Amino acid sequence: MRLTSIDDYISGKSFSNSLKVKISQPEKEILYRMEFIEDLVKKTGIIHLGFADHIEVIEKKIEKNIWFHSRLLQCTSRCVGIDINKSATDFVRSKLNISDVFSIDISKEELPATITDSHFKYLILGELIEHIDNPVFFLQLIRNKFKHLVDEIVITAPNALRWNNLKFVFKQTELINSDHRYWFTPYTLSKILFQAGYKDMEFYMVESFKPEKHSYFKSYLYKKYPGLRNTIIIKARF
């Protein structure tokens, strides 16, 4: 979906302290994060920023087919991995024999020629923006670094309106990853992308993983009210 009808609010030209934003409508199928992005980037060249993981879980995730970088490698024409974690990057290169990966602090270091001499369709920023202290500054940094190399950015982020959040409110509880700084909505995620200089935002409400056990209740809930799904995917042009 696009929030085109409220561009003036996202840009700051207009203001409302009770703005109503349509974020979803009933859907016949539930969208899932990895499968959705795999379909989006199929046979294209991409950069996967923050691709690694904690070393101790990478091989376990590969066994379960949920280490996202390995899945992206199988469906893209080229998938470059960039991560600030040198030990994880070295592990991926030496133990998993994945060569097109780089340990780079993009705030301080230049990109190698093997990246800058190419052009890519997408930059994938998955499950990362919620860990960043200053997301607007970080997105500006990414835009300045990659705007001549990449067409579009794809971000996944935790949905503040997700069903689990609502459910735990009735238990007087917040359920959260203790390293997260932020929850997002389609509007607030669009707002920070605009502030960072991106345009043509388009978002999708998705579930993080396909469930091992089918639940008729959740299936009905997430199809009728996609805004209750766990994750937001937002796509924008550099």
C-alpha atoms as a PDB file:
ATOM      1  CA  MET A   1       0.000   0.000   0.000  1.00  0.00           C
ATOM      2  CA  ARG A   2       0.967   3.625  -0.434  1.00  0.00           C
ATOM      3  CA  LEU A   3       0.236   6.520   1.881  1.00  0.00           C
ATOM      4  CA  THR A   4      -0.030   8.963  -1.032  1.00  0.00           C
ATOM      5  CA  SER A   5      -3.175  10.625   0.305  1.00  0.00           C
ATOM      6  CA  ILE A   6      -1.258  11.937   3.315  1.00  0.00           C
ATOM      7  CA  ASP A   7       1.981  13.082   1.661  1.00  0.00           C
ATOM      8  CA  ASP A   8       1.550  16.575   3.117  1.00  0.00           C
ATOM      9  CA  TYR A   9       1.502  15.142   6.644  1.00  0.00           C
ATOM     10  CA  ILE A  10       4.558  12.971   6.048  1.00  0.00           C
ATOM     11  CA  SER A  11       6.413  15.950   4.619  1.00  0.00           C
ATOM     12  CA  GLY A  12       5.303  18.214   7.487  1.00  0.00           C
ATOM     13  CA  LYS A  13       3.358  20.630   5.289  1.00  0.00           C
ATOM     14  CA  SER A  14       0.161  19.722   7.144  1.00  0.00           C
ATOM     15  CA  PHE A  15      -0.464  18.771  10.762  1.00  0.00           C
ATOM     16  CA  SER A  16      -3.114  16.844  12.685  1.00  0.00           C
ATOM     17  CA  ASN A  17      -3.012  15.500  16.230  1.00  0.00           C
ATOM     18  CA  SER A  18      -5.647  12.891  15.350  1.00  0.00           C
ATOM     19  CA  LEU A  19      -4.761  11.811  11.822  1.00  0.00           C
ATOM     20  CA  LYS A  20      -6.434   8.574  10.704  1.00  0.00           C
ATOM     21  CA  VAL A  21      -4.269   6.513   8.360  1.00  0.00           C
ATOM     22  CA  LYS A  22      -5.599   3.484   6.468  1.00  0.00           C
ATOM     23  CA  ILE A  23      -2.955   0.791   6.797  1.00  0.00           C
ATOM     24  CA  SER A  24      -4.651  -2.387   5.566  1.00  0.00           C
ATOM     25  CA  GLN A  25      -7.644  -4.098   4.085  1.00  0.00           C
ATOM     26  CA  PRO A  26      -8.680  -7.778   4.092  1.00  0.00           C
ATOM     27  CA  GLU A  27      -6.412 -10.064   2.086  1.00  0.00           C
ATOM     28  CA  LYS A  28      -6.968 -13.591   0.802  1.00  0.00           C
ATOM     29  CA  GLU A  29      -3.504 -14.793   1.769  1.00  0.00           C
ATOM     30  CA  ILE A  30      -1.068 -14.062   4.590  1.00  0.00           C
ATOM     31  CA  LEU A  31       2.242 -12.613   3.428  1.00  0.00           C
ATOM     32  CA  TYR A  32       5.464 -13.845   5.046  1.00  0.00           C
ATOM     33  CA  ARG A  33       8.616 -11.772   5.384  1.00  0.00           C
ATOM     34  CA  MET A  34      11.291 -13.954   3.798  1.00  0.00           C
ATOM     35  CA  GLU A  35       9.083 -15.404   1.072  1.00  0.00           C
ATOM     36  CA  PHE A  36       7.806 -11.948   0.126  1.00  0.00           C
ATOM     37  CA  ILE A  37      11.311 -10.505  -0.202  1.00  0.00           C
ATOM     38  CA  GLU A  38      12.566 -13.582  -2.074  1.00  0.00           C
ATOM     39  CA  ASP A  39       9.843 -13.058  -4.682  1.00  0.00           C
ATOM     40  CA  LEU A  40      10.629  -9.338  -4.863  1.00  0.00           C
ATOM     41  CA  VAL A  41      14.386  -9.709  -5.431  1.00  0.00           C
ATOM     42  CA  LYS A  42      14.346 -12.845  -7.594  1.00  0.00           C
ATOM     43  CA  LYS A  43      17.046 -12.794 -10.293  1.00  0.00           C
ATOM     44  CA  THR A  44      18.173  -9.274  -9.363  1.00  0.00           C
ATOM     45  CA  GLY A  45      21.404  -7.972  -7.846  1.00  0.00           C
ATOM     46  CA  ILE A  46      21.113  -6.926  -4.202  1.00  0.00           C
ATOM     47  CA  ILE A  47      23.124  -5.735  -1.215  1.00  0.00           C
ATOM     48  CA  HIS A  48      22.172  -7.311   2.115  1.00  0.00           C
ATOM     49  CA  LEU A  49      23.239  -4.869   4.839  1.00  0.00           C
ATOM     50  CA  GLY A  50      23.601  -6.408   8.293  1.00  0.00           C
ATOM     51  CA  PHE A  51      23.541  -9.839   6.692  1.00  0.00           C
ATOM     52  CA  ALA A  52      25.325 -11.893   9.359  1.00  0.00           C
ATOM     53  CA  ASP A  53      24.026 -12.941  12.766  1.00  0.00           C
ATOM     54  CA  HIS A  54      25.460 -14.201  16.009  1.00  0.00           C
ATOM     55  CA  ILE A  55      28.035 -16.805  15.002  1.00  0.00           C
ATOM     56  CA  GLU A  56      26.614 -19.448  17.302  1.00  0.00           C
ATOM     57  CA  VAL A  57      23.195 -19.443  15.592  1.00  0.00           C
ATOM     58  CA  ILE A  58      24.097 -19.178  11.894  1.00  0.00           C
ATOM     59  CA  GLU A  59      24.537 -22.887  11.198  1.00  0.00           C
ATOM     60  CA  LYS A  60      21.470 -23.780  13.250  1.00  0.00           C
ATOM     61  CA  LYS A  61      19.431 -21.298  11.222  1.00  0.00           C
ATOM     62  CA  ILE A  62      20.800 -22.732   7.983  1.00  0.00           C
ATOM     63  CA  GLU A  63      19.646 -26.200   9.087  1.00  0.00           C
ATOM     64  CA  LYS A  64      16.144 -24.794   9.632  1.00  0.00           C
ATOM     65  CA  ASN A  65      16.340 -22.774   6.399  1.00  0.00           C
ATOM     66  CA  ILE A  66      15.764 -19.497   8.240  1.00  0.00           C
ATOM     67  CA  TRP A  67      19.191 -17.852   7.835  1.00  0.00           C
ATOM     68  CA  PHE A  68      18.040 -15.177   5.436  1.00  0.00           C
ATOM     69  CA  HIS A  69      21.339 -14.523   3.658  1.00  0.00           C
ATOM     70  CA  SER A  70      21.653 -18.124   2.470  1.00  0.00           C
ATOM     71  CA  ARG A  71      18.121 -17.977   1.091  1.00  0.00           C
ATOM     72  CA  LEU A  72      18.804 -14.711  -0.705  1.00  0.00           C
ATOM     73  CA  LEU A  73      21.922 -16.210  -2.273  1.00  0.00           C
ATOM     74  CA  GLN A  74      19.792 -18.901  -3.876  1.00  0.00           C
ATOM     75  CA  CYS A  75      17.248 -16.595  -5.545  1.00  0.00           C
ATOM     76  CA  THR A  76      19.260 -13.528  -6.654  1.00  0.00           C
ATOM     77  CA  SER A  77      21.684 -12.988  -9.515  1.00  0.00           C
ATOM     78  CA  ARG A  78      24.149 -11.511  -7.010  1.00  0.00           C
ATOM     79  CA  CYS A  79      23.860 -11.029  -3.271  1.00  0.00           C
ATOM     80  CA  VAL A  80      26.550  -8.958  -1.557  1.00  0.00           C
ATOM     81  CA  GLY A  81      26.671  -9.163   2.235  1.00  0.00           C
ATOM     82  CA  ILE A  82      27.906  -6.229   4.329  1.00  0.00           C
ATOM     83  CA  ASP A  83      28.143  -6.340   8.111  1.00  0.00           C
ATOM     84  CA  ILE A  84      30.082  -4.465  10.793  1.00  0.00           C
ATOM     85  CA  ASN A  85      30.659  -7.747  12.666  1.00  0.00           C
ATOM     86  CA  LYS A  86      34.105  -8.876  11.452  1.00  0.00           C
ATOM     87  CA  SER A  87      34.189 -12.178  13.318  1.00  0.00           C
ATOM     88  CA  ALA A  88      30.809 -13.222  11.892  1.00  0.00           C
ATOM     89  CA  THR A  89      31.837 -12.126   8.390  1.00  0.00           C
ATOM     90  CA  ASP A  90      35.111 -14.080   8.650  1.00  0.00           C
ATOM     91  CA  PHE A  91      33.172 -17.121   9.870  1.00  0.00           C
ATOM     92  CA  VAL A  92      30.797 -16.947   6.898  1.00  0.00           C
ATOM     93  CA  ARG A  93      33.676 -16.595   4.467  1.00  0.00           C
ATOM     94  CA  SER A  94      35.944 -19.285   5.928  1.00  0.00           C
ATOM     95  CA  LYS A  95      33.514 -21.857   7.319  1.00  0.00           C
ATOM     96  CA  LEU A  96      30.602 -21.513   4.901  1.00  0.00           C
ATOM     97  CA  ASN A  97      32.660 -20.664   1.790  1.00  0.00           C
ATOM     98  CA  ILE A  98      30.570 -17.610   0.974  1.00  0.00           C
ATOM     99  CA  SER A  99      32.969 -15.154  -0.609  1.00  0.00           C
ATOM    100  CA  ASP A 100      30.930 -12.068  -1.578  1.00  0.00           C
ATOM    101  CA  VAL A 101      30.754 -10.748   1.998  1.00  0.00           C
ATOM    102  CA  PHE A 102      32.503  -7.765   3.563  1.00  0.00           C
ATOM    103  CA  SER A 103      33.105  -6.449   7.057  1.00  0.00           C
ATOM    104  CA  ILE A 104      32.651  -2.691   6.677  1.00  0.00           C
ATOM    105  CA  ASP A 105      31.708   0.117   9.026  1.00  0.00           C
ATOM    106  CA  ILE A 106      29.808   2.187   6.469  1.00  0.00           C
ATOM    107  CA  SER A 107      29.999   5.278   8.691  1.00  0.00           C
ATOM    108  CA  LYS A 108      33.810   5.296   8.509  1.00  0.00           C
ATOM    109  CA  GLU A 109      35.026   3.074   5.671  1.00  0.00           C
ATOM    110  CA  GLU A 110      34.777   3.214   1.894  1.00  0.00           C
ATOM    111  CA  LEU A 111      33.154   0.486  -0.133  1.00  0.00           C
ATOM    112  CA  PRO A 112      35.507  -1.748  -2.175  1.00  0.00           C
ATOM    113  CA  ALA A 113      35.632  -1.484  -5.951  1.00  0.00           C
ATOM    114  CA  THR A 114      33.976  -4.872  -6.383  1.00  0.00           C
ATOM    115  CA  ILE A 115      30.834  -3.215  -5.003  1.00  0.00           C
ATOM    116  CA  THR A 116      31.161   0.331  -6.393  1.00  0.00           C
ATOM    117  CA  ASP A 117      31.876  -0.937  -9.910  1.00  0.00           C
ATOM    118  CA  SER A 118      28.459  -2.629  -9.981  1.00  0.00           C
ATOM    119  CA  HIS A 119      24.829  -1.532  -9.832  1.00  0.00           C
ATOM    120  CA  PHE A 120      22.122  -3.185  -7.714  1.00  0.00           C
ATOM    121  CA  LYS A 121      18.339  -3.218  -7.753  1.00  0.00           C
ATOM    122  CA  TYR A 122      17.744  -3.440  -3.987  1.00  0.00           C
ATOM    123  CA  LEU A 123      19.456  -2.831  -0.671  1.00  0.00           C
ATOM    124  CA  ILE A 124      17.919  -5.066   2.003  1.00  0.00           C
ATOM    125  CA  LEU A 125      17.872  -3.767   5.578  1.00  0.00           C
ATOM    126  CA  GLY A 126      16.226  -6.550   7.558  1.00  0.00           C
ATOM    127  CA  GLU A 127      15.426  -6.526  11.268  1.00  0.00           C
ATOM    128  CA  LEU A 128      17.990  -3.786  11.878  1.00  0.00           C
ATOM    129  CA  ILE A 129      16.448  -0.302  12.013  1.00  0.00           C
ATOM    130  CA  GLU A 130      14.832  -0.958  15.412  1.00  0.00           C
ATOM    131  CA  HIS A 131      18.322  -1.510  16.916  1.00  0.00           C
ATOM    132  CA  ILE A 132      19.699   1.858  15.742  1.00  0.00           C
ATOM    133  CA  ASP A 133      19.904   4.817  18.138  1.00  0.00           C
ATOM    134  CA  ASN A 134      19.277   7.461  15.463  1.00  0.00           C
ATOM    135  CA  PRO A 135      17.392   5.861  12.555  1.00  0.00           C
ATOM    136  CA  VAL A 136      17.027   9.052  10.468  1.00  0.00           C
ATOM    137  CA  PHE A 137      20.771   9.737  10.611  1.00  0.00           C
ATOM    138  CA  PHE A 138      21.494   6.085   9.819  1.00  0.00           C
ATOM    139  CA  LEU A 139      19.147   6.094   6.810  1.00  0.00           C
ATOM    140  CA  GLN A 140      20.731   9.341   5.581  1.00  0.00           C
ATOM    141  CA  LEU A 141      24.138   7.692   5.866  1.00  0.00           C
ATOM    142  CA  ILE A 142      22.934   4.714   3.840  1.00  0.00           C
ATOM    143  CA  ARG A 143      21.402   6.971   1.193  1.00  0.00           C
ATOM    144  CA  ASN A 144      24.593   9.005   0.815  1.00  0.00           C
ATOM    145  CA  LYS A 145      26.651   5.815   0.582  1.00  0.00           C
ATOM    146  CA  PHE A 146      24.507   3.831  -1.827  1.00  0.00           C
ATOM    147  CA  LYS A 147      22.320   6.267  -3.816  1.00  0.00           C
ATOM    148  CA  HIS A 148      24.421   5.930  -6.981  1.00  0.00           C
ATOM    149  CA  LEU A 149      24.718   2.145  -6.631  1.00  0.00           C
ATOM    150  CA  VAL A 150      21.195   0.990  -5.712  1.00  0.00           C
ATOM    151  CA  ASP A 151      17.682   1.753  -6.994  1.00  0.00           C
ATOM    152  CA  GLU A 152      15.532   0.925  -3.953  1.00  0.00           C
ATOM    153  CA  ILE A 153      15.795   0.155  -0.244  1.00  0.00           C
ATOM    154  CA  VAL A 154      13.716  -2.569   1.432  1.00  0.00           C
ATOM    155  CA  ILE A 155      13.340  -2.372   5.213  1.00  0.00           C
ATOM    156  CA  THR A 156      11.675  -4.788   7.597  1.00  0.00           C
ATOM    157  CA  ALA A 157      10.718  -3.566  11.071  1.00  0.00           C
ATOM    158  CA  PRO A 158       8.547  -4.646  14.033  1.00  0.00           C
ATOM    159  CA  ASN A 159       4.931  -3.535  13.789  1.00  0.00           C
ATOM    160  CA  ALA A 160       3.809  -1.584  16.869  1.00  0.00           C
ATOM    161  CA  LEU A 161       0.202  -2.628  16.163  1.00  0.00           C
ATOM    162  CA  ARG A 162       0.900  -6.366  16.089  1.00  0.00           C
ATOM    163  CA  TRP A 163      -1.529  -8.810  17.709  1.00  0.00           C
ATOM    164  CA  ASN A 164       0.971  -9.938  20.355  1.00  0.00           C
ATOM    165  CA  ASN A 165       1.348  -6.365  21.619  1.00  0.00           C
ATOM    166  CA  LEU A 166      -2.397  -5.981  21.974  1.00  0.00           C
ATOM    167  CA  LYS A 167      -2.697  -9.370  23.660  1.00  0.00           C
ATOM    168  CA  PHE A 168      -0.028  -8.594  26.252  1.00  0.00           C
ATOM    169  CA  VAL A 169      -1.558  -5.204  27.068  1.00  0.00           C
ATOM    170  CA  PHE A 170      -4.412  -7.145  28.659  1.00  0.00           C
ATOM    171  CA  LYS A 171      -1.764  -8.834  30.836  1.00  0.00           C
ATOM    172  CA  GLN A 172      -0.394  -5.408  31.854  1.00  0.00           C
ATOM    173  CA  THR A 173       2.839  -6.378  30.078  1.00  0.00           C
ATOM    174  CA  GLU A 174       5.134  -5.311  27.250  1.00  0.00           C
ATOM    175  CA  LEU A 175       6.787  -8.148  25.329  1.00  0.00           C
ATOM    176  CA  ILE A 176       9.937  -6.870  23.590  1.00  0.00           C
ATOM    177  CA  ASN A 177      13.450  -7.708  22.427  1.00  0.00           C
ATOM    178  CA  SER A 178      15.544  -5.919  25.043  1.00  0.00           C
ATOM    179  CA  ASP A 179      17.891  -4.462  22.396  1.00  0.00           C
ATOM    180  CA  HIS A 180      15.093  -2.724  20.466  1.00  0.00           C
ATOM    181  CA  ARG A 181      14.901   1.069  20.608  1.00  0.00           C
ATOM    182  CA  TYR A 182      11.679   1.496  18.629  1.00  0.00           C
ATOM    183  CA  TRP A 183       8.385   0.083  17.466  1.00  0.00           C
ATOM    184  CA  PHE A 184       7.100   1.328  14.098  1.00  0.00           C
ATOM    185  CA  THR A 185       3.854   1.864  12.220  1.00  0.00           C
ATOM    186  CA  PRO A 186       3.532   2.306   8.450  1.00  0.00           C
ATOM    187  CA  TYR A 187       3.176   6.069   8.996  1.00  0.00           C
ATOM    188  CA  THR A 188       6.143   6.529  11.351  1.00  0.00           C
ATOM    189  CA  LEU A 189       8.396   4.354   9.180  1.00  0.00           C
ATOM    190  CA  SER A 190       7.374   6.365   6.108  1.00  0.00           C
ATOM    191  CA  LYS A 191       8.029   9.564   8.052  1.00  0.00           C
ATOM    192  CA  ILE A 192      11.619   8.722   8.947  1.00  0.00           C
ATOM    193  CA  LEU A 193      12.346   7.550   5.405  1.00  0.00           C
ATOM    194  CA  PHE A 194      11.046  10.874   4.049  1.00  0.00           C
ATOM    195  CA  GLN A 195      13.141  12.772   6.597  1.00  0.00           C
ATOM    196  CA  ALA A 196      16.184  10.817   5.400  1.00  0.00           C
ATOM    197  CA  GLY A 197      15.570  11.786   1.771  1.00  0.00           C
ATOM    198  CA  TYR A 198      13.825   8.734   0.303  1.00  0.00           C
ATOM    199  CA  LYS A 199      10.673   8.830  -1.844  1.00  0.00           C
ATOM    200  CA  ASP A 200       7.850   6.678  -3.244  1.00  0.00           C
ATOM    201  CA  MET A 201       7.326   4.638  -0.086  1.00  0.00           C
ATOM    202  CA  GLU A 202       5.232   1.485  -0.372  1.00  0.00           C
ATOM    203  CA  PHE A 203       4.531  -0.829   2.570  1.00  0.00           C
ATOM    204  CA  TYR A 204       3.247  -4.328   3.248  1.00  0.00           C
ATOM    205  CA  MET A 205       2.091  -5.989   6.462  1.00  0.00           C
ATOM    206  CA  VAL A 206       3.595  -9.476   6.834  1.00  0.00           C
ATOM    207  CA  GLU A 207       4.143 -12.271   9.303  1.00  0.00           C
ATOM    208  CA  SER A 208       7.729 -13.028  10.315  1.00  0.00           C
ATOM    209  CA  PHE A 209       7.696 -16.811   9.777  1.00  0.00           C
ATOM    210  CA  LYS A 210       5.331 -19.440   8.481  1.00  0.00           C
ATOM    211  CA  PRO A 211       3.878 -21.206  11.547  1.00  0.00           C
ATOM    212  CA  GLU A 212       4.764 -24.829  12.210  1.00  0.00           C
ATOM    213  CA  LYS A 213       1.191 -25.437  13.386  1.00  0.00           C
ATOM    214  CA  HIS A 214      -1.838 -24.017  11.638  1.00  0.00           C
ATOM    215  CA  SER A 215      -4.145 -21.831  13.718  1.00  0.00           C
ATOM    216  CA  TYR A 216      -7.582 -21.128  12.222  1.00  0.00           C
ATOM    217  CA  PHE A 217      -8.030 -18.184  14.605  1.00  0.00           C
ATOM    218  CA  LYS A 218      -4.771 -16.463  13.627  1.00  0.00           C
ATOM    219  CA  SER A 219      -5.281 -17.301   9.969  1.00  0.00           C
ATOM    220  CA  TYR A 220      -8.690 -15.613  10.030  1.00  0.00           C
ATOM    221  CA  LEU A 221      -7.390 -12.681  12.099  1.00  0.00           C
ATOM    222  CA  TYR A 222      -4.355 -11.965   9.928  1.00  0.00           C
ATOM    223  CA  LYS A 223      -6.282 -12.244   6.670  1.00  0.00           C
ATOM    224  CA  LYS A 224      -9.119  -9.982   7.804  1.00  0.00           C
ATOM    225  CA  TYR A 225      -6.882  -7.521   9.689  1.00  0.00           C
ATOM    226  CA  PRO A 226      -3.375  -7.513   8.132  1.00  0.00           C
ATOM    227  CA  GLY A 227      -2.479  -4.553  10.350  1.00  0.00           C
ATOM    228  CA  LEU A 228      -2.170  -7.021  13.239  1.00  0.00           C
ATOM    229  CA  ARG A 229       0.682  -8.934  11.589  1.00  0.00           C
ATOM    230  CA  ASN A 230       4.113  -8.901  13.222  1.00  0.00           C
ATOM    231  CA  THR A 231       6.219  -7.069  10.674  1.00  0.00           C
ATOM    232  CA  ILE A 232       6.178  -4.115   8.302  1.00  0.00           C
ATOM    233  CA  ILE A 233       8.045  -4.270   5.007  1.00  0.00           C
ATOM    234  CA  ILE A 234       8.560  -0.886   3.412  1.00  0.00           C
ATOM    235  CA  LYS A 235      10.109  -0.217   0.013  1.00  0.00           C
ATOM    236  CA  ALA A 236      11.351   3.194  -1.102  1.00  0.00           C
ATOM    237  CA  ARG A 237      13.437   4.736  -3.863  1.00  0.00           C
ATOM    238  CA  PHE A 238      16.810   6.331  -3.209  1.00  0.00           C
END
